[in-house]
Amino acid sequence: MGFLKGEETIVATGEAAGRMYNMIAQGDGSDPAHPYIQVRMESGDMPKAEADRLW
C-alpha cells in the first residue's frame, strides 16, 4: 500500500485538547480517483505523548 498523504490537525487550544490525526493511503494498482483508506484518531484529553505512541 502506498502512502499518499498524512496530516495532523490541531482543532482546539491546549496541548491535549482536540488533536486529530489523519492518514490516507492508496492501494497499489487501484484507481487513484476513487479507492482509498482513511484512518482517523481524535485524541481528546489524551496527553500528546500517549496519542503519538498509539498512532
N, C-alpha and C. Protein backbone atom coordinates (compact mmCIF):
# COMPACT_ATOMS: atom_id res chain seq x y z
N MET A 1 0.85 -1.18 0.00
CA MET A 1 0.00 0.00 0.00
C MET A 1 0.89 1.24 0.00
N GLY A 2 0.64 2.15 -0.88
CA GLY A 2 1.46 3.36 -0.98
C GLY A 2 0.91 4.47 -0.11
N PHE A 3 1.80 5.16 0.59
CA PHE A 3 1.40 6.28 1.43
C PHE A 3 1.24 7.51 0.56
N LEU A 4 0.04 8.11 0.56
CA LEU A 4 -0.22 9.30 -0.25
C LEU A 4 -0.12 10.58 0.55
N LYS A 5 -0.75 10.62 1.71
CA LYS A 5 -0.86 11.89 2.42
C LYS A 5 -1.06 11.61 3.90
N GLY A 6 -0.39 12.39 4.73
CA GLY A 6 -0.62 12.30 6.17
C GLY A 6 -0.67 13.70 6.74
N GLU A 7 -1.52 13.93 7.69
CA GLU A 7 -1.58 15.26 8.27
C GLU A 7 -2.01 15.17 9.72
N GLU A 8 -1.60 16.14 10.49
CA GLU A 8 -2.02 16.25 11.88
C GLU A 8 -2.64 17.63 12.02
N THR A 9 -3.83 17.69 12.57
CA THR A 9 -4.54 18.95 12.68
C THR A 9 -4.85 19.25 14.14
N ILE A 10 -4.52 20.44 14.59
CA ILE A 10 -4.90 20.88 15.93
C ILE A 10 -6.23 21.62 15.80
N VAL A 11 -7.27 21.10 16.45
CA VAL A 11 -8.60 21.71 16.30
C VAL A 11 -9.05 22.47 17.54
N ALA A 12 -8.21 22.51 18.57
CA ALA A 12 -8.54 23.29 19.77
C ALA A 12 -7.25 23.73 20.43
N THR A 13 -7.35 24.69 21.34
CA THR A 13 -6.15 25.16 22.01
C THR A 13 -5.76 24.20 23.13
N GLY A 14 -4.51 24.25 23.54
CA GLY A 14 -4.02 23.38 24.59
C GLY A 14 -3.38 22.14 24.00
N GLU A 15 -2.33 21.65 24.64
CA GLU A 15 -1.58 20.52 24.09
C GLU A 15 -2.43 19.27 23.92
N ALA A 16 -3.31 18.99 24.89
CA ALA A 16 -4.02 17.70 24.86
C ALA A 16 -5.38 17.76 24.18
N ALA A 17 -5.94 18.94 23.98
CA ALA A 17 -7.33 19.03 23.53
C ALA A 17 -7.47 18.95 22.02
N GLY A 18 -8.31 18.05 21.57
CA GLY A 18 -8.75 18.02 20.19
C GLY A 18 -7.70 17.75 19.14
N ARG A 19 -6.65 17.00 19.46
CA ARG A 19 -5.67 16.66 18.43
C ARG A 19 -6.27 15.60 17.51
N MET A 20 -6.20 15.82 16.21
CA MET A 20 -6.78 14.89 15.25
C MET A 20 -5.69 14.43 14.29
N TYR A 21 -5.58 13.13 14.11
CA TYR A 21 -4.56 12.54 13.24
C TYR A 21 -5.26 11.89 12.05
N ASN A 22 -4.78 12.12 10.85
CA ASN A 22 -5.35 11.52 9.64
C ASN A 22 -4.26 10.87 8.81
N MET A 23 -4.55 9.72 8.22
CA MET A 23 -3.67 9.11 7.24
C MET A 23 -4.54 8.63 6.09
N ILE A 24 -4.17 8.97 4.86
CA ILE A 24 -4.89 8.48 3.69
C ILE A 24 -3.90 7.68 2.86
N ALA A 25 -4.26 6.45 2.52
CA ALA A 25 -3.37 5.58 1.76
C ALA A 25 -4.10 5.03 0.54
N GLN A 26 -3.36 4.82 -0.54
CA GLN A 26 -3.91 4.32 -1.81
C GLN A 26 -3.34 2.94 -2.06
N GLY A 27 -4.21 1.97 -2.35
CA GLY A 27 -3.73 0.64 -2.68
C GLY A 27 -3.02 0.62 -4.02
N ASP A 28 -1.95 -0.16 -4.12
CA ASP A 28 -1.19 -0.26 -5.37
C ASP A 28 -2.07 -0.82 -6.49
N GLY A 29 -2.03 -0.18 -7.66
CA GLY A 29 -2.76 -0.66 -8.82
C GLY A 29 -4.24 -0.31 -8.84
N SER A 30 -4.74 0.40 -7.85
CA SER A 30 -6.15 0.75 -7.85
C SER A 30 -6.36 2.13 -8.48
N ASP A 31 -7.60 2.43 -8.79
CA ASP A 31 -7.94 3.70 -9.43
C ASP A 31 -7.64 4.84 -8.46
N PRO A 32 -6.72 5.74 -8.78
CA PRO A 32 -6.36 6.81 -7.85
C PRO A 32 -7.48 7.82 -7.60
N ALA A 33 -8.51 7.82 -8.45
CA ALA A 33 -9.60 8.78 -8.28
C ALA A 33 -10.62 8.34 -7.23
N HIS A 34 -10.65 7.04 -6.90
CA HIS A 34 -11.71 6.56 -6.01
C HIS A 34 -11.26 5.78 -4.78
N PRO A 35 -10.69 4.57 -4.92
CA PRO A 35 -10.46 3.77 -3.72
C PRO A 35 -9.34 4.33 -2.85
N TYR A 36 -9.58 4.39 -1.56
CA TYR A 36 -8.53 4.77 -0.61
C TYR A 36 -8.95 4.33 0.78
N ILE A 37 -8.00 4.33 1.67
CA ILE A 37 -8.27 4.00 3.07
C ILE A 37 -7.92 5.23 3.90
N GLN A 38 -8.81 5.63 4.76
CA GLN A 38 -8.54 6.76 5.64
C GLN A 38 -8.62 6.29 7.09
N VAL A 39 -7.59 6.61 7.86
CA VAL A 39 -7.55 6.28 9.28
C VAL A 39 -7.57 7.59 10.05
N ARG A 40 -8.42 7.67 11.06
CA ARG A 40 -8.55 8.92 11.81
C ARG A 40 -8.60 8.61 13.30
N MET A 41 -7.91 9.42 14.07
CA MET A 41 -7.96 9.29 15.51
C MET A 41 -8.10 10.67 16.11
N GLU A 42 -9.05 10.83 17.03
CA GLU A 42 -9.18 12.08 17.77
C GLU A 42 -8.77 11.78 19.21
N SER A 43 -7.74 12.46 19.68
CA SER A 43 -7.17 12.11 20.98
C SER A 43 -7.90 12.72 22.16
N GLY A 44 -8.71 13.72 21.94
CA GLY A 44 -9.46 14.33 23.03
C GLY A 44 -8.55 14.84 24.14
N ASP A 45 -8.77 14.35 25.37
CA ASP A 45 -7.99 14.82 26.52
C ASP A 45 -6.72 14.01 26.75
N MET A 46 -6.42 13.08 25.85
CA MET A 46 -5.23 12.26 26.00
C MET A 46 -3.96 13.11 25.87
N PRO A 47 -2.95 12.88 26.72
CA PRO A 47 -1.69 13.62 26.57
C PRO A 47 -1.07 13.38 25.20
N LYS A 48 -0.41 14.39 24.66
CA LYS A 48 0.16 14.32 23.31
C LYS A 48 1.09 13.12 23.15
N ALA A 49 1.97 12.87 24.12
CA ALA A 49 2.92 11.76 24.00
C ALA A 49 2.19 10.42 23.87
N GLU A 50 1.12 10.23 24.62
CA GLU A 50 0.36 8.98 24.54
C GLU A 50 -0.38 8.87 23.21
N ALA A 51 -0.95 9.96 22.73
CA ALA A 51 -1.64 9.95 21.43
C ALA A 51 -0.66 9.62 20.31
N ASP A 52 0.54 10.21 20.35
CA ASP A 52 1.56 9.92 19.33
C ASP A 52 1.98 8.45 19.39
N ARG A 53 2.11 7.90 20.60
CA ARG A 53 2.52 6.50 20.75
C ARG A 53 1.46 5.56 20.17
N LEU A 54 0.19 5.83 20.46
CA LEU A 54 -0.89 4.98 19.96
C LEU A 54 -1.04 5.09 18.45
N TRP A 55 -0.83 6.28 17.90
CA TRP A 55 -0.94 6.46 16.47
C TRP A 55 0.14 5.69 15.75
